[in-house]
Protein backbone atom coordinates (compact mmCIF):
# COMPACT_ATOMS: atom_id res chain seq x y z
CA MET A 1 13.19 2.20 -21.99
CA PRO A 2 10.30 -0.23 -21.49
CA ASP A 3 6.93 0.17 -23.09
CA PRO A 4 4.25 2.16 -20.95
CA VAL A 5 1.34 0.27 -19.45
CA ALA A 6 -1.76 0.90 -17.53
CA TRP A 7 -1.84 0.55 -13.72
CA LYS A 8 -3.95 -2.44 -14.12
CA ALA A 9 -1.03 -4.22 -15.58
CA VAL A 10 1.34 -3.80 -12.75
CA GLU A 11 2.42 -6.91 -11.00
CA HIS A 12 3.86 -7.72 -7.57
CA GLY A 13 7.59 -7.56 -7.39
CA TRP A 14 8.11 -4.88 -10.20
CA ALA A 15 10.80 -2.38 -9.47
CA VAL A 16 10.11 1.00 -8.15
CA TYR A 17 12.53 3.80 -8.94
CA ASP A 18 12.97 7.37 -7.50
CA ARG A 19 13.14 10.40 -9.75
CA GLU A 20 16.97 10.07 -9.91
CA GLY A 21 16.62 6.43 -11.28
CA GLU A 22 17.63 4.81 -8.21
CA GLN A 23 15.63 1.72 -7.14
CA VAL A 24 13.77 2.44 -3.81
CA GLY A 25 11.66 -0.71 -3.55
CA THR A 26 9.32 -3.19 -5.19
CA ILE A 27 5.60 -3.32 -5.61
CA ALA A 28 3.73 -5.26 -2.90
CA GLU A 29 0.18 -4.03 -3.25
CA ILE A 30 -1.87 -2.38 -5.91
CA ALA A 31 -4.71 0.03 -4.65
CA GLY A 32 -7.57 0.85 -6.93
CA ASP A 33 -10.88 0.03 -8.24
CA GLU A 34 -10.50 -2.03 -11.46
CA GLU A 35 -14.14 -1.93 -12.39
CA ALA A 36 -14.36 1.80 -12.08
CA ASP A 37 -10.80 2.16 -13.48
CA ILE A 38 -9.82 4.36 -10.54
CA PHE A 39 -6.20 4.13 -9.64
CA ASP A 40 -5.34 4.95 -6.03
CA GLY A 41 -1.61 4.08 -5.56
CA PHE A 42 0.67 1.39 -4.67
CA GLY A 43 2.20 -0.27 -1.52
CA ILE A 44 5.89 -0.87 -1.80
CA LYS A 45 8.47 -2.76 0.01
CA THR A 46 11.72 -0.71 0.59
CA GLY A 47 13.64 -3.79 2.13
CA ALA A 48 13.43 -7.31 3.16
CA LEU A 49 12.36 -6.43 6.74
CA SER A 50 10.68 -3.16 6.08
CA GLY A 51 6.83 -2.57 6.12
CA VAL A 52 4.85 -1.65 3.12
CA LYS A 53 4.85 2.10 2.37
CA TYR A 54 1.81 3.76 0.67
CA VAL A 55 2.66 5.48 -2.57
CA PRO A 56 -0.19 7.64 -3.59
CA ALA A 57 -1.14 8.04 -7.41
CA GLU A 58 -0.20 11.65 -7.20
CA ILE A 59 3.55 10.92 -6.99
CA VAL A 60 3.73 8.10 -9.62
CA ASP A 61 5.45 9.60 -12.79
CA SER A 62 5.20 6.82 -15.07
CA ILE A 63 4.42 3.01 -15.39
CA ALA A 64 6.28 0.83 -17.78
CA VAL A 65 6.69 -2.92 -18.12
CA GLY A 66 8.52 -4.16 -15.02
CA GLU A 67 8.92 -0.74 -13.43
CA VAL A 68 7.18 2.27 -11.83
CA ARG A 69 8.86 5.56 -11.51
CA LEU A 70 8.17 8.24 -8.83
CA THR A 71 8.36 11.91 -8.87
CA ILE A 72 10.05 12.01 -5.35
CA SER A 73 13.69 11.32 -4.31
CA GLY A 74 14.65 8.26 -2.50
CA ASN A 75 15.04 9.95 0.91
CA GLU A 76 11.36 11.13 0.63
CA VAL A 77 10.07 7.53 0.43
CA ALA A 78 11.17 6.66 3.96
CA PRO A 79 8.70 9.12 5.62
CA LEU A 80 5.66 8.01 3.49
CA ASP A 81 2.88 6.34 5.55
CA ASP A 82 2.76 2.69 6.14
CA LEU A 83 0.13 0.87 4.30
CA ARG A 84 -2.29 -0.68 6.74
CA ALA A 85 -5.66 -2.46 6.22
CA GLU A 86 -8.47 -0.37 7.58
CA VAL A 87 -9.95 -2.22 10.61
CA GLU A 88 -13.53 -1.71 11.00
CA GLU A 89 -14.21 -0.74 14.76
CA GLN A 90 -16.94 -2.60 16.56
CA LEU A 91 -18.04 -1.30 20.01
CA ILE A 92 -19.16 -3.92 22.48
CA PRO A 93 -21.92 -2.49 24.66
CA GLU A 94 -21.29 -2.52 28.47
CA SER A 95 -24.44 -4.73 28.78
CA SER A 96 -22.79 -7.55 26.89
CA THR A 97 -22.25 -10.85 28.62
CA TRP A 98 -18.80 -11.82 29.90
CA TYR A 99 -18.26 -14.35 27.09
CA GLN A 100 -19.24 -11.71 24.45
CA ARG A 101 -16.66 -9.27 25.85
CA LEU A 102 -14.05 -11.93 26.08
CA ALA A 103 -14.68 -13.00 22.42
CA GLY A 104 -14.37 -9.27 21.32
CA TRP A 105 -11.13 -8.93 23.39
CA LEU A 106 -9.70 -12.07 21.78
CA THR A 107 -10.50 -11.13 18.32
CA GLY A 108 -9.48 -7.59 18.68
CA ARG A 109 -12.83 -6.12 18.03
CA ASP A 110 -13.05 -4.16 21.21
CA ARG A 111 -9.95 -2.14 20.65
C-alpha cells in the first residue's frame, strides 16, 4: 500500500478507487484553499468522454501516493453532481443601449 499524503500533494491523473477497490476514475481537479489548508473535494473524470464529477471531501476515505480511495461504491459515483465553474450572473438593465445588450448576449452575461 502506498504512503499516505496530504490533499495538497494530490496531482492530476491519480487513480480514484471505490470502497471495493475498483478504479472509478482519475483526478481532474482539486478543490480547496491551500493558504487556509481547507480541503473541499476533487473533480474526477470517470471516462474519456465523461464530464467531471464532484467528489466532496466527506466521501474521501484516504489519500496515498498516486491514489485516492472513496467511501462509496462504484455505482454511487455516476449520480454525483457534475463539477461546473460558478458563473457570476450579471444583469443588464433594460435601459442599456442596444450594443451593450448585444455584447452581454454574445458573452453570455445576460443569461
